[in-house]
Amino acid sequence: MVRKLTDSACFRAGDDTWLREILHPVNDNVRIDYSLAHAYLEVGVSSLPHRLVTSSETYFFLEGEGCISINGEVLQVGKGDVAHVPANVDQFVQNTGPNRLVFPCIVTPPWFEQDEEILPKSSNGD
């Protein structure tokens, strides 16, 4: 199987990240124990604070610069960096650079809407 990024519709996810779901075992009839999405944030934008109750997330930053908050610890990220967020941990990503922040995301086990909790904005210091 080969998928082109542009074959997946771009939509705003529940956490306000722009997203293309590239590969999901339910939607694509493949036997994998993860899902893969391509995400981005425009300049000056943050995702909403959220947590995945039963799934972990691994982000691979391809373009841009920003920060990721993992359980209140804010870490700088940029091109080539990888960040892992364990299950049931508060998180958000912020674009702090002059260009779009682009990051594929692997969710294990696969992402399902009912597993994601959007948290009050005060969770990110607003």
Foldseek 3Di string as FASTA:
>chain_A
DDDDQVVFDWDQDPQRWTKGFTADCVVPVDPDQKTKMKTKDFEFDKGFKKFQAQKKKKKAWQAAKWWKAWQNDIDIDGHGDMDIHGHPTIMMIGGHGPGMTIIMMMIGRYDDPVRMDGDPRVVVVD
